[in-house]
Amino acid sequence: MPRIRRPYRAQIARPKVLVPQTESAAPIEAPTAEEVVVEVLSDLWSVTVFDNDTNTYEEVMTVLMIATGCSGEEAHIEAWEIDHYGSCLVHRDTEDDCRKAADIIAKIGIRVEVSKEA
């Protein structure tokens, strides 16, 4: 059996970031990983869907895939959680994207809640 050769860490090409420099421009400092994580997490919103006795699994799964762009498998899992636990957090994103997803989901008569992550 032939042996698969993997490149050494030093041989792996790394992308180079080019920042235009002008005479008067000071060097740009990149944010730390902690600053990026805090900024992303501080602007996170979520969409929670609640169970009802009206909609079928297929309807819920279809609307979840359309609204959130999730796979059929993920939509099935979320529909199951909605049915068995009474609710499920189905999407996390910016406020605008969460409100758009919630509007789409609510069109089939499901109660939806958009809230800011703590």
PDB file of N, CA and C in Angstrom:
ATOM      1  N   MET A   1       0.848  -1.179   0.000  1.00  0.00           N
ATOM      2  CA  MET A   1       0.000   0.000   0.000  1.00  0.00           C
ATOM      3  C   MET A   1       0.888   1.235   0.000  1.00  0.00           C
ATOM      4  N   PRO A   2       0.639   2.160  -0.918  1.00  0.00           N
ATOM      5  CA  PRO A   2       1.482   3.363  -0.965  1.00  0.00           C
ATOM      6  C   PRO A   2       1.244   4.241   0.261  1.00  0.00           C
ATOM      7  N   ARG A   3       2.283   4.858   0.682  1.00  0.00           N
ATOM      8  CA  ARG A   3       2.211   5.728   1.839  1.00  0.00           C
ATOM      9  C   ARG A   3       1.829   7.139   1.400  1.00  0.00           C
ATOM     10  N   ILE A   4       0.895   7.749   2.130  1.00  0.00           N
ATOM     11  CA  ILE A   4       0.468   9.114   1.816  1.00  0.00           C
ATOM     12  C   ILE A   4       1.408  10.078   2.516  1.00  0.00           C
ATOM     13  N   ARG A   5       1.981  10.960   1.733  1.00  0.00           N
ATOM     14  CA  ARG A   5       2.887  11.941   2.317  1.00  0.00           C
ATOM     15  C   ARG A   5       2.142  13.227   2.570  1.00  0.00           C
ATOM     16  N   ARG A   6       2.258  13.709   3.754  1.00  0.00           N
ATOM     17  CA  ARG A   6       1.650  14.973   4.121  1.00  0.00           C
ATOM     18  C   ARG A   6       2.744  16.029   4.209  1.00  0.00           C
ATOM     19  N   PRO A   7       2.450  17.244   3.784  1.00  0.00           N
ATOM     20  CA  PRO A   7       3.481  18.292   3.840  1.00  0.00           C
ATOM     21  C   PRO A   7       3.773  18.690   5.289  1.00  0.00           C
ATOM     22  N   TYR A   8       5.018  19.035   5.509  1.00  0.00           N
ATOM     23  CA  TYR A   8       5.367  19.563   6.816  1.00  0.00           C
ATOM     24  C   TYR A   8       4.706  20.911   7.000  1.00  0.00           C
ATOM     25  N   ARG A   9       4.533  21.305   8.240  1.00  0.00           N
ATOM     26  CA  ARG A   9       3.883  22.573   8.546  1.00  0.00           C
ATOM     27  C   ARG A   9       4.557  23.727   7.806  1.00  0.00           C
ATOM     28  N   ALA A  10       5.859  23.699   7.682  1.00  0.00           N
ATOM     29  CA  ALA A  10       6.576  24.789   7.019  1.00  0.00           C
ATOM     30  C   ALA A  10       6.315  24.807   5.521  1.00  0.00           C
ATOM     31  N   GLN A  11       5.894  23.676   4.952  1.00  0.00           N
ATOM     32  CA  GLN A  11       5.670  23.599   3.513  1.00  0.00           C
ATOM     33  C   GLN A  11       4.270  24.062   3.108  1.00  0.00           C
ATOM     34  N   ILE A  12       3.364  24.196   4.048  1.00  0.00           N
ATOM     35  CA  ILE A  12       1.996  24.589   3.738  1.00  0.00           C
ATOM     36  C   ILE A  12       1.974  26.081   3.430  1.00  0.00           C
ATOM     37  N   ALA A  13       1.418  26.420   2.294  1.00  0.00           N
ATOM     38  CA  ALA A  13       1.358  27.825   1.898  1.00  0.00           C
ATOM     39  C   ALA A  13       0.361  28.571   2.772  1.00  0.00           C
ATOM     40  N   ARG A  14       0.774  29.683   3.274  1.00  0.00           N
ATOM     41  CA  ARG A  14      -0.107  30.501   4.096  1.00  0.00           C
ATOM     42  C   ARG A  14      -0.474  31.757   3.301  1.00  0.00           C
ATOM     43  N   PRO A  15      -1.739  32.155   3.361  1.00  0.00           N
ATOM     44  CA  PRO A  15      -2.124  33.367   2.626  1.00  0.00           C
ATOM     45  C   PRO A  15      -1.457  34.596   3.233  1.00  0.00           C
ATOM     46  N   LYS A  16      -1.102  35.521   2.372  1.00  0.00           N
ATOM     47  CA  LYS A  16      -0.479  36.758   2.830  1.00  0.00           C
ATOM     48  C   LYS A  16      -1.509  37.868   2.768  1.00  0.00           C
ATOM     49  N   VAL A  17      -1.543  38.654   3.807  1.00  0.00           N
ATOM     50  CA  VAL A  17      -2.462  39.777   3.862  1.00  0.00           C
ATOM     51  C   VAL A  17      -1.672  41.028   3.516  1.00  0.00           C
ATOM     52  N   LEU A  18      -2.101  41.687   2.465  1.00  0.00           N
ATOM     53  CA  LEU A  18      -1.431  42.909   2.044  1.00  0.00           C
ATOM     54  C   LEU A  18      -2.263  44.110   2.454  1.00  0.00           C
ATOM     55  N   VAL A  19      -1.648  45.000   3.192  1.00  0.00           N
ATOM     56  CA  VAL A  19      -2.320  46.211   3.644  1.00  0.00           C
ATOM     57  C   VAL A  19      -1.630  47.392   2.980  1.00  0.00           C
ATOM     58  N   PRO A  20      -2.394  48.179   2.235  1.00  0.00           N
ATOM     59  CA  PRO A  20      -1.761  49.325   1.579  1.00  0.00           C
ATOM     60  C   PRO A  20      -1.220  50.308   2.618  1.00  0.00           C
ATOM     61  N   GLN A  21      -0.023  50.769   2.387  1.00  0.00           N
ATOM     62  CA  GLN A  21       0.601  51.718   3.294  1.00  0.00           C
ATOM     63  C   GLN A  21       0.793  53.042   2.571  1.00  0.00           C
ATOM     64  N   THR A  22       0.496  54.105   3.266  1.00  0.00           N
ATOM     65  CA  THR A  22       0.791  55.429   2.731  1.00  0.00           C
ATOM     66  C   THR A  22       1.812  56.072   3.646  1.00  0.00           C
ATOM     67  N   GLU A  23       2.340  57.176   3.210  1.00  0.00           N
ATOM     68  CA  GLU A  23       3.374  57.833   4.006  1.00  0.00           C
ATOM     69  C   GLU A  23       2.860  58.278   5.358  1.00  0.00           C
ATOM     70  N   SER A  24       1.604  58.763   5.399  1.00  0.00           N
ATOM     71  CA  SER A  24       1.099  59.301   6.659  1.00  0.00           C
ATOM     72  C   SER A  24       0.322  58.273   7.482  1.00  0.00           C
ATOM     73  N   ALA A  25       0.085  57.112   6.915  1.00  0.00           N
ATOM     74  CA  ALA A  25      -0.723  56.121   7.624  1.00  0.00           C
ATOM     75  C   ALA A  25       0.115  55.384   8.661  1.00  0.00           C
ATOM     76  N   ALA A  26      -0.463  55.247   9.829  1.00  0.00           N
ATOM     77  CA  ALA A  26       0.199  54.482  10.878  1.00  0.00           C
ATOM     78  C   ALA A  26      -0.088  53.006  10.646  1.00  0.00           C
ATOM     79  N   PRO A  27       0.769  52.123  11.124  1.00  0.00           N
ATOM     80  CA  PRO A  27       0.505  50.700  10.959  1.00  0.00           C
ATOM     81  C   PRO A  27      -0.839  50.314  11.603  1.00  0.00           C
ATOM     82  N   ILE A  28      -1.540  49.404  10.961  1.00  0.00           N
ATOM     83  CA  ILE A  28      -2.842  48.972  11.462  1.00  0.00           C
ATOM     84  C   ILE A  28      -2.638  47.802  12.410  1.00  0.00           C
ATOM     85  N   GLU A  29      -3.214  47.914  13.587  1.00  0.00           N
ATOM     86  CA  GLU A  29      -3.117  46.825  14.546  1.00  0.00           C
ATOM     87  C   GLU A  29      -4.325  45.916  14.390  1.00  0.00           C
ATOM     88  N   ALA A  30      -4.075  44.634  14.256  1.00  0.00           N
ATOM     89  CA  ALA A  30      -5.159  43.656  14.132  1.00  0.00           C
ATOM     90  C   ALA A  30      -5.785  43.428  15.504  1.00  0.00           C
ATOM     91  N   PRO A  31      -7.108  43.253  15.567  1.00  0.00           N
ATOM     92  CA  PRO A  31      -7.739  42.980  16.854  1.00  0.00           C
ATOM     93  C   PRO A  31      -7.331  41.603  17.364  1.00  0.00           C
ATOM     94  N   THR A  32      -7.340  41.453  18.667  1.00  0.00           N
ATOM     95  CA  THR A  32      -7.020  40.150  19.242  1.00  0.00           C
ATOM     96  C   THR A  32      -8.211  39.219  19.060  1.00  0.00           C
ATOM     97  N   ALA A  33      -7.980  37.952  19.233  1.00  0.00           N
ATOM     98  CA  ALA A  33      -9.057  36.960  19.087  1.00  0.00           C
ATOM     99  C   ALA A  33     -10.169  37.230  20.089  1.00  0.00           C
ATOM    100  N   GLU A  34      -9.810  37.637  21.295  1.00  0.00           N
ATOM    101  CA  GLU A  34     -10.814  37.916  22.329  1.00  0.00           C
ATOM    102  C   GLU A  34     -11.713  39.083  21.923  1.00  0.00           C
ATOM    103  N   GLU A  35     -11.130  40.132  21.331  1.00  0.00           N
ATOM    104  CA  GLU A  35     -11.919  41.278  20.889  1.00  0.00           C
ATOM    105  C   GLU A  35     -12.895  40.885  19.794  1.00  0.00           C
ATOM    106  N   VAL A  36     -12.467  40.034  18.871  1.00  0.00           N
ATOM    107  CA  VAL A  36     -13.331  39.592  17.783  1.00  0.00           C
ATOM    108  C   VAL A  36     -14.471  38.757  18.328  1.00  0.00           C
ATOM    109  N   VAL A  37     -14.189  37.836  19.231  1.00  0.00           N
ATOM    110  CA  VAL A  37     -15.219  36.974  19.821  1.00  0.00           C
ATOM    111  C   VAL A  37     -16.232  37.806  20.590  1.00  0.00           C
ATOM    112  N   VAL A  38     -15.780  38.761  21.377  1.00  0.00           N
ATOM    113  CA  VAL A  38     -16.683  39.607  22.149  1.00  0.00           C
ATOM    114  C   VAL A  38     -17.574  40.415  21.220  1.00  0.00           C
ATOM    115  N   GLU A  39     -17.004  40.960  20.134  1.00  0.00           N
ATOM    116  CA  GLU A  39     -17.795  41.755  19.200  1.00  0.00           C
ATOM    117  C   GLU A  39     -18.853  40.898  18.514  1.00  0.00           C
ATOM    118  N   VAL A  40     -18.495  39.708  18.080  1.00  0.00           N
ATOM    119  CA  VAL A  40     -19.441  38.821  17.406  1.00  0.00           C
ATOM    120  C   VAL A  40     -20.533  38.380  18.365  1.00  0.00           C
ATOM    121  N   LEU A  41     -20.172  37.973  19.566  1.00  0.00           N
ATOM    122  CA  LEU A  41     -21.152  37.490  20.524  1.00  0.00           C
ATOM    123  C   LEU A  41     -22.065  38.591  21.041  1.00  0.00           C
ATOM    124  N   SER A  42     -21.596  39.824  21.053  1.00  0.00           N
ATOM    125  CA  SER A  42     -22.415  40.909  21.570  1.00  0.00           C
ATOM    126  C   SER A  42     -23.531  41.292  20.609  1.00  0.00           C
ATOM    127  N   ASP A  43     -23.420  40.890  19.344  1.00  0.00           N
ATOM    128  CA  ASP A  43     -24.422  41.255  18.347  1.00  0.00           C
ATOM    129  C   ASP A  43     -25.213  40.039  17.872  1.00  0.00           C
ATOM    130  N   LEU A  44     -25.262  38.985  18.694  1.00  0.00           N
ATOM    131  CA  LEU A  44     -25.959  37.772  18.300  1.00  0.00           C
ATOM    132  C   LEU A  44     -27.408  37.783  18.767  1.00  0.00           C
ATOM    133  N   TRP A  45     -28.305  37.413  17.869  1.00  0.00           N
ATOM    134  CA  TRP A  45     -29.728  37.300  18.166  1.00  0.00           C
ATOM    135  C   TRP A  45     -30.152  35.876  17.876  1.00  0.00           C
ATOM    136  N   SER A  46     -31.297  35.459  18.408  1.00  0.00           N
ATOM    137  CA  SER A  46     -31.758  34.100  18.177  1.00  0.00           C
ATOM    138  C   SER A  46     -33.241  34.072  17.837  1.00  0.00           C
ATOM    139  N   VAL A  47     -33.637  33.003  17.133  1.00  0.00           N
ATOM    140  CA  VAL A  47     -35.029  32.768  16.762  1.00  0.00           C
ATOM    141  C   VAL A  47     -35.470  31.482  17.448  1.00  0.00           C
ATOM    142  N   THR A  48     -36.527  31.571  18.245  1.00  0.00           N
ATOM    143  CA  THR A  48     -37.094  30.404  18.912  1.00  0.00           C
ATOM    144  C   THR A  48     -38.481  30.143  18.341  1.00  0.00           C
ATOM    145  N   VAL A  49     -38.747  28.885  18.028  1.00  0.00           N
ATOM    146  CA  VAL A  49     -40.036  28.474  17.474  1.00  0.00           C
ATOM    147  C   VAL A  49     -40.765  27.642  18.518  1.00  0.00           C
ATOM    148  N   PHE A  50     -42.077  27.879  18.657  1.00  0.00           N
ATOM    149  CA  PHE A  50     -42.886  27.191  19.660  1.00  0.00           C
ATOM    150  C   PHE A  50     -43.851  26.212  18.996  1.00  0.00           C
ATOM    151  N   ASP A  51     -44.173  25.162  19.722  1.00  0.00           N
ATOM    152  CA  ASP A  51     -45.046  24.101  19.222  1.00  0.00           C
ATOM    153  C   ASP A  51     -46.487  24.575  19.102  1.00  0.00           C
ATOM    154  N   ASN A  52     -47.200  23.985  18.144  1.00  0.00           N
ATOM    155  CA  ASN A  52     -48.644  24.174  18.045  1.00  0.00           C
ATOM    156  C   ASN A  52     -49.264  22.864  17.560  1.00  0.00           C
ATOM    157  N   ASP A  53     -50.561  22.770  17.567  1.00  0.00           N
ATOM    158  CA  ASP A  53     -51.248  21.553  17.142  1.00  0.00           C
ATOM    159  C   ASP A  53     -51.739  21.639  15.703  1.00  0.00           C
ATOM    160  N   THR A  54     -51.329  22.650  14.983  1.00  0.00           N
ATOM    161  CA  THR A  54     -51.838  22.896  13.644  1.00  0.00           C
ATOM    162  C   THR A  54     -50.907  22.396  12.548  1.00  0.00           C
ATOM    163  N   ASN A  55     -49.628  22.709  12.639  1.00  0.00           N
ATOM    164  CA  ASN A  55     -48.691  22.428  11.557  1.00  0.00           C
ATOM    165  C   ASN A  55     -48.101  21.022  11.634  1.00  0.00           C
ATOM    166  N   THR A  56     -47.862  20.441  10.455  1.00  0.00           N
ATOM    167  CA  THR A  56     -47.251  19.114  10.372  1.00  0.00           C
ATOM    168  C   THR A  56     -45.733  19.240  10.403  1.00  0.00           C
ATOM    169  N   TYR A  57     -45.058  18.106  10.628  1.00  0.00           N
ATOM    170  CA  TYR A  57     -43.597  18.085  10.579  1.00  0.00           C
ATOM    171  C   TYR A  57     -43.098  18.605   9.236  1.00  0.00           C
ATOM    172  N   GLU A  58     -43.728  18.158   8.159  1.00  0.00           N
ATOM    173  CA  GLU A  58     -43.282  18.548   6.824  1.00  0.00           C
ATOM    174  C   GLU A  58     -43.380  20.058   6.622  1.00  0.00           C
ATOM    175  N   GLU A  59     -44.467  20.656   7.088  1.00  0.00           N
ATOM    176  CA  GLU A  59     -44.623  22.110   6.957  1.00  0.00           C
ATOM    177  C   GLU A  59     -43.545  22.841   7.753  1.00  0.00           C
ATOM    178  N   VAL A  60     -43.329  22.388   8.973  1.00  0.00           N
ATOM    179  CA  VAL A  60     -42.333  23.039   9.839  1.00  0.00           C
ATOM    180  C   VAL A  60     -40.938  22.859   9.253  1.00  0.00           C
ATOM    181  N   MET A  61     -40.617  21.652   8.823  1.00  0.00           N
ATOM    182  CA  MET A  61     -39.294  21.401   8.244  1.00  0.00           C
ATOM    183  C   MET A  61     -39.055  22.250   6.998  1.00  0.00           C
ATOM    184  N   THR A  62     -40.052  22.323   6.137  1.00  0.00           N
ATOM    185  CA  THR A  62     -39.913  23.105   4.905  1.00  0.00           C
ATOM    186  C   THR A  62     -39.694  24.580   5.203  1.00  0.00           C
ATOM    187  N   VAL A  63     -40.481  25.141   6.102  1.00  0.00           N
ATOM    188  CA  VAL A  63     -40.341  26.565   6.403  1.00  0.00           C
ATOM    189  C   VAL A  63     -39.010  26.848   7.108  1.00  0.00           C
ATOM    190  N   LEU A  64     -38.523  25.915   7.938  1.00  0.00           N
ATOM    191  CA  LEU A  64     -37.225  26.110   8.587  1.00  0.00           C
ATOM    192  C   LEU A  64     -36.094  26.104   7.563  1.00  0.00           C
ATOM    193  N   MET A  65     -36.173  25.196   6.592  1.00  0.00           N
ATOM    194  CA  MET A  65     -35.133  25.150   5.561  1.00  0.00           C
ATOM    195  C   MET A  65     -35.149  26.420   4.713  1.00  0.00           C
ATOM    196  N   ILE A  66     -36.330  26.920   4.409  1.00  0.00           N
ATOM    197  CA  ILE A  66     -36.434  28.156   3.615  1.00  0.00           C
ATOM    198  C   ILE A  66     -35.944  29.359   4.415  1.00  0.00           C
ATOM    199  N   ALA A  67     -36.376  29.470   5.662  1.00  0.00           N
ATOM    200  CA  ALA A  67     -36.078  30.657   6.472  1.00  0.00           C
ATOM    201  C   ALA A  67     -34.636  30.711   6.950  1.00  0.00           C
ATOM    202  N   THR A  68     -34.072  29.561   7.330  1.00  0.00           N
ATOM    203  CA  THR A  68     -32.741  29.573   7.933  1.00  0.00           C
ATOM    204  C   THR A  68     -31.654  28.998   7.050  1.00  0.00           C
ATOM    205  N   GLY A  69     -32.046  28.337   5.959  1.00  0.00           N
ATOM    206  CA  GLY A  69     -31.047  27.744   5.074  1.00  0.00           C
ATOM    207  C   GLY A  69     -30.425  26.479   5.633  1.00  0.00           C
ATOM    208  N   CYS A  70     -31.082  25.830   6.588  1.00  0.00           N
ATOM    209  CA  CYS A  70     -30.537  24.620   7.186  1.00  0.00           C
ATOM    210  C   CYS A  70     -30.810  23.403   6.293  1.00  0.00           C
ATOM    211  N   SER A  71     -30.168  22.300   6.604  1.00  0.00           N
ATOM    212  CA  SER A  71     -30.366  21.065   5.846  1.00  0.00           C
ATOM    213  C   SER A  71     -31.668  20.390   6.280  1.00  0.00           C
ATOM    214  N   GLY A  72     -32.106  19.418   5.502  1.00  0.00           N
ATOM    215  CA  GLY A  72     -33.307  18.665   5.855  1.00  0.00           C
ATOM    216  C   GLY A  72     -33.142  17.908   7.157  1.00  0.00           C
ATOM    217  N   GLU A  73     -31.939  17.386   7.388  1.00  0.00           N
ATOM    218  CA  GLU A  73     -31.673  16.646   8.631  1.00  0.00           C
ATOM    219  C   GLU A  73     -31.771  17.573   9.843  1.00  0.00           C
ATOM    220  N   GLU A  74     -31.171  18.752   9.733  1.00  0.00           N
ATOM    221  CA  GLU A  74     -31.224  19.709  10.843  1.00  0.00           C
ATOM    222  C   GLU A  74     -32.658  20.176  11.077  1.00  0.00           C
ATOM    223  N   ALA A  75     -33.405  20.413   9.995  1.00  0.00           N
ATOM    224  CA  ALA A  75     -34.798  20.836  10.120  1.00  0.00           C
ATOM    225  C   ALA A  75     -35.633  19.751  10.797  1.00  0.00           C
ATOM    226  N   HIS A  76     -35.355  18.493  10.497  1.00  0.00           N
ATOM    227  CA  HIS A  76     -36.086  17.392  11.132  1.00  0.00           C
ATOM    228  C   HIS A  76     -35.790  17.336  12.627  1.00  0.00           C
ATOM    229  N   ILE A  77     -34.537  17.502  12.987  1.00  0.00           N
ATOM    230  CA  ILE A  77     -34.152  17.502  14.409  1.00  0.00           C
ATOM    231  C   ILE A  77     -34.837  18.655  15.137  1.00  0.00           C
ATOM    232  N   GLU A  78     -34.841  19.841  14.533  1.00  0.00           N
ATOM    233  CA  GLU A  78     -35.477  20.999  15.168  1.00  0.00           C
ATOM    234  C   GLU A  78     -36.985  20.811  15.275  1.00  0.00           C
ATOM    235  N   ALA A  79     -37.606  20.247  14.247  1.00  0.00           N
ATOM    236  CA  ALA A  79     -39.054  19.984  14.303  1.00  0.00           C
ATOM    237  C   ALA A  79     -39.369  18.983  15.408  1.00  0.00           C
ATOM    238  N   TRP A  80     -38.526  17.973  15.558  1.00  0.00           N
ATOM    239  CA  TRP A  80     -38.710  16.986  16.635  1.00  0.00           C
ATOM    240  C   TRP A  80     -38.610  17.665  17.997  1.00  0.00           C
ATOM    241  N   GLU A  81     -37.602  18.529  18.176  1.00  0.00           N
ATOM    242  CA  GLU A  81     -37.442  19.233  19.459  1.00  0.00           C
ATOM    243  C   GLU A  81     -38.632  20.145  19.738  1.00  0.00           C
ATOM    244  N   ILE A  82     -39.124  20.820  18.709  1.00  0.00           N
ATOM    245  CA  ILE A  82     -40.302  21.681  18.886  1.00  0.00           C
ATOM    246  C   ILE A  82     -41.477  20.847  19.356  1.00  0.00           C
ATOM    247  N   ASP A  83     -41.680  19.699  18.726  1.00  0.00           N
ATOM    248  CA  ASP A  83     -42.797  18.822  19.067  1.00  0.00           C
ATOM    249  C   ASP A  83     -42.658  18.212  20.458  1.00  0.00           C
ATOM    250  N   HIS A  84     -41.466  17.766  20.824  1.00  0.00           N
ATOM    251  CA  HIS A  84     -41.273  17.058  22.094  1.00  0.00           C
ATOM    252  C   HIS A  84     -40.945  17.957  23.285  1.00  0.00           C
ATOM    253  N   TYR A  85     -40.270  19.075  23.050  1.00  0.00           N
ATOM    254  CA  TYR A  85     -39.892  19.965  24.149  1.00  0.00           C
ATOM    255  C   TYR A  85     -40.742  21.228  24.225  1.00  0.00           C
ATOM    256  N   GLY A  86     -41.555  21.480  23.215  1.00  0.00           N
ATOM    257  CA  GLY A  86     -42.415  22.655  23.213  1.00  0.00           C
ATOM    258  C   GLY A  86     -41.825  23.868  22.520  1.00  0.00           C
ATOM    259  N   SER A  87     -40.516  23.886  22.342  1.00  0.00           N
ATOM    260  CA  SER A  87     -39.863  24.996  21.635  1.00  0.00           C
ATOM    261  C   SER A  87     -38.454  24.566  21.252  1.00  0.00           C
ATOM    262  N   CYS A  88     -37.862  25.348  20.346  1.00  0.00           N
ATOM    263  CA  CYS A  88     -36.490  25.065  19.928  1.00  0.00           C
ATOM    264  C   CYS A  88     -35.868  26.341  19.382  1.00  0.00           C
ATOM    265  N   LEU A  89     -34.630  26.600  19.760  1.00  0.00           N
ATOM    266  CA  LEU A  89     -33.871  27.699  19.182  1.00  0.00           C
ATOM    267  C   LEU A  89     -33.398  27.207  17.812  1.00  0.00           C
ATOM    268  N   VAL A  90     -33.893  27.834  16.750  1.00  0.00           N
ATOM    269  CA  VAL A  90     -33.633  27.328  15.398  1.00  0.00           C
ATOM    270  C   VAL A  90     -32.633  28.139  14.596  1.00  0.00           C
ATOM    271  N   HIS A  91     -32.275  29.333  15.068  1.00  0.00           N
ATOM    272  CA  HIS A  91     -31.385  30.182  14.270  1.00  0.00           C
ATOM    273  C   HIS A  91     -30.703  31.207  15.151  1.00  0.00           C
ATOM    274  N   ARG A  92     -29.420  31.470  14.846  1.00  0.00           N
ATOM    275  CA  ARG A  92     -28.650  32.542  15.501  1.00  0.00           C
ATOM    276  C   ARG A  92     -27.977  33.352  14.417  1.00  0.00           C
ATOM    277  N   ASP A  93     -28.136  34.667  14.513  1.00  0.00           N
ATOM    278  CA  ASP A  93     -27.546  35.535  13.489  1.00  0.00           C
ATOM    279  C   ASP A  93     -27.688  36.984  13.954  1.00  0.00           C
ATOM    280  N   THR A  94     -27.528  37.915  13.031  1.00  0.00           N
ATOM    281  CA  THR A  94     -27.730  39.323  13.350  1.00  0.00           C
ATOM    282  C   THR A  94     -29.224  39.582  13.555  1.00  0.00           C
ATOM    283  N   GLU A  95     -29.548  40.725  14.107  1.00  0.00           N
ATOM    284  CA  GLU A  95     -30.958  41.051  14.374  1.00  0.00           C
ATOM    285  C   GLU A  95     -31.784  41.056  13.089  1.00  0.00           C
ATOM    286  N   ASP A  96     -31.277  41.696  12.046  1.00  0.00           N
ATOM    287  CA  ASP A  96     -32.028  41.771  10.786  1.00  0.00           C
ATOM    288  C   ASP A  96     -32.301  40.390  10.202  1.00  0.00           C
ATOM    289  N   ASP A  97     -31.282  39.546  10.165  1.00  0.00           N
ATOM    290  CA  ASP A  97     -31.460  38.207   9.605  1.00  0.00           C
ATOM    291  C   ASP A  97     -32.412  37.367  10.446  1.00  0.00           C
ATOM    292  N   CYS A  98     -32.341  37.514  11.758  1.00  0.00           N
ATOM    293  CA  CYS A  98     -33.258  36.767  12.626  1.00  0.00           C
ATOM    294  C   CYS A  98     -34.695  37.240  12.431  1.00  0.00           C
ATOM    295  N   ARG A  99     -34.894  38.530  12.301  1.00  0.00           N
ATOM    296  CA  ARG A  99     -36.259  39.043  12.085  1.00  0.00           C
ATOM    297  C   ARG A  99     -36.813  38.576  10.731  1.00  0.00           C
ATOM    298  N   LYS A 100     -35.968  38.548   9.696  1.00  0.00           N
ATOM    299  CA  LYS A 100     -36.409  38.052   8.393  1.00  0.00           C
ATOM    300  C   LYS A 100     -36.802  36.582   8.478  1.00  0.00           C
ATOM    301  N   ALA A 101     -35.968  35.770   9.137  1.00  0.00           N
ATOM    302  CA  ALA A 101     -36.269  34.343   9.292  1.00  0.00           C
ATOM    303  C   ALA A 101     -37.554  34.148  10.088  1.00  0.00           C
ATOM    304  N   ALA A 102     -37.727  34.922  11.149  1.00  0.00           N
ATOM    305  CA  ALA A 102     -38.926  34.806  11.983  1.00  0.00           C
ATOM    306  C   ALA A 102     -40.181  35.183  11.203  1.00  0.00           C
ATOM    307  N   ASP A 103     -40.092  36.208  10.369  1.00  0.00           N
ATOM    308  CA  ASP A 103     -41.241  36.611   9.541  1.00  0.00           C
ATOM    309  C   ASP A 103     -41.657  35.489   8.593  1.00  0.00           C
ATOM    310  N   ILE A 104     -40.683  34.829   8.001  1.00  0.00           N
ATOM    311  CA  ILE A 104     -40.984  33.721   7.091  1.00  0.00           C
ATOM    312  C   ILE A 104     -41.643  32.572   7.845  1.00  0.00           C
ATOM    313  N   ILE A 105     -41.090  32.220   8.996  1.00  0.00           N
ATOM    314  CA  ILE A 105     -41.628  31.108   9.787  1.00  0.00           C
ATOM    315  C   ILE A 105     -43.037  31.420  10.277  1.00  0.00           C
ATOM    316  N   ALA A 106     -43.262  32.657  10.714  1.00  0.00           N
ATOM    317  CA  ALA A 106     -44.572  33.043  11.265  1.00  0.00           C
ATOM    318  C   ALA A 106     -45.681  33.013  10.219  1.00  0.00           C
ATOM    319  N   LYS A 107     -45.333  33.054   8.942  1.00  0.00           N
ATOM    320  CA  LYS A 107     -46.355  33.066   7.887  1.00  0.00           C
ATOM    321  C   LYS A 107     -47.193  31.795   7.846  1.00  0.00           C
ATOM    322  N   ILE A 108     -46.693  30.694   8.426  1.00  0.00           N
ATOM    323  CA  ILE A 108     -47.501  29.475   8.431  1.00  0.00           C
ATOM    324  C   ILE A 108     -48.238  29.281   9.755  1.00  0.00           C
ATOM    325  N   GLY A 109     -48.251  30.319  10.585  1.00  0.00           N
ATOM    326  CA  GLY A 109     -49.045  30.285  11.814  1.00  0.00           C
ATOM    327  C   GLY A 109     -48.326  29.786  13.048  1.00  0.00           C
ATOM    328  N   ILE A 110     -47.012  29.720  12.996  1.00  0.00           N
ATOM    329  CA  ILE A 110     -46.237  29.267  14.151  1.00  0.00           C
ATOM    330  C   ILE A 110     -45.832  30.476  14.982  1.00  0.00           C
ATOM    331  N   ARG A 111     -45.897  30.329  16.303  1.00  0.00           N
ATOM    332  CA  ARG A 111     -45.445  31.410  17.191  1.00  0.00           C
ATOM    333  C   ARG A 111     -43.915  31.404  17.212  1.00  0.00           C
ATOM    334  N   VAL A 112     -43.342  32.566  16.959  1.00  0.00           N
ATOM    335  CA  VAL A 112     -41.891  32.728  16.861  1.00  0.00           C
ATOM    336  C   VAL A 112     -41.474  33.877  17.751  1.00  0.00           C
ATOM    337  N   GLU A 113     -40.302  33.733  18.361  1.00  0.00           N
ATOM    338  CA  GLU A 113     -39.770  34.798  19.221  1.00  0.00           C
ATOM    339  C   GLU A 113     -38.341  35.115  18.791  1.00  0.00           C
ATOM    340  N   VAL A 114     -38.055  36.402  18.616  1.00  0.00           N
ATOM    341  CA  VAL A 114     -36.706  36.875  18.302  1.00  0.00           C
ATOM    342  C   VAL A 114     -36.166  37.573  19.542  1.00  0.00           C
ATOM    343  N   SER A 115     -35.000  37.164  19.999  1.00  0.00           N
ATOM    344  CA  SER A 115     -34.457  37.784  21.202  1.00  0.00           C
ATOM    345  C   SER A 115     -32.942  37.943  21.089  1.00  0.00           C
ATOM    346  N   LYS A 116     -32.427  38.930  21.827  1.00  0.00           N
ATOM    347  CA  LYS A 116     -30.990  39.182  21.846  1.00  0.00           C
ATOM    348  C   LYS A 116     -30.333  38.201  22.801  1.00  0.00           C
ATOM    349  N   GLU A 117     -29.235  37.627  22.361  1.00  0.00           N
ATOM    350  CA  GLU A 117     -28.492  36.685  23.199  1.00  0.00           C
ATOM    351  C   GLU A 117     -27.834  37.458  24.335  1.00  0.00           C
ATOM    352  N   ALA A 118     -27.828  36.867  25.477  1.00  0.00           N
ATOM    353  CA  ALA A 118     -27.222  37.514  26.653  1.00  0.00           C
ATOM    354  C   ALA A 118     -25.751  37.312  26.711  1.00  0.00           C
TER     355      ALA A 118
END
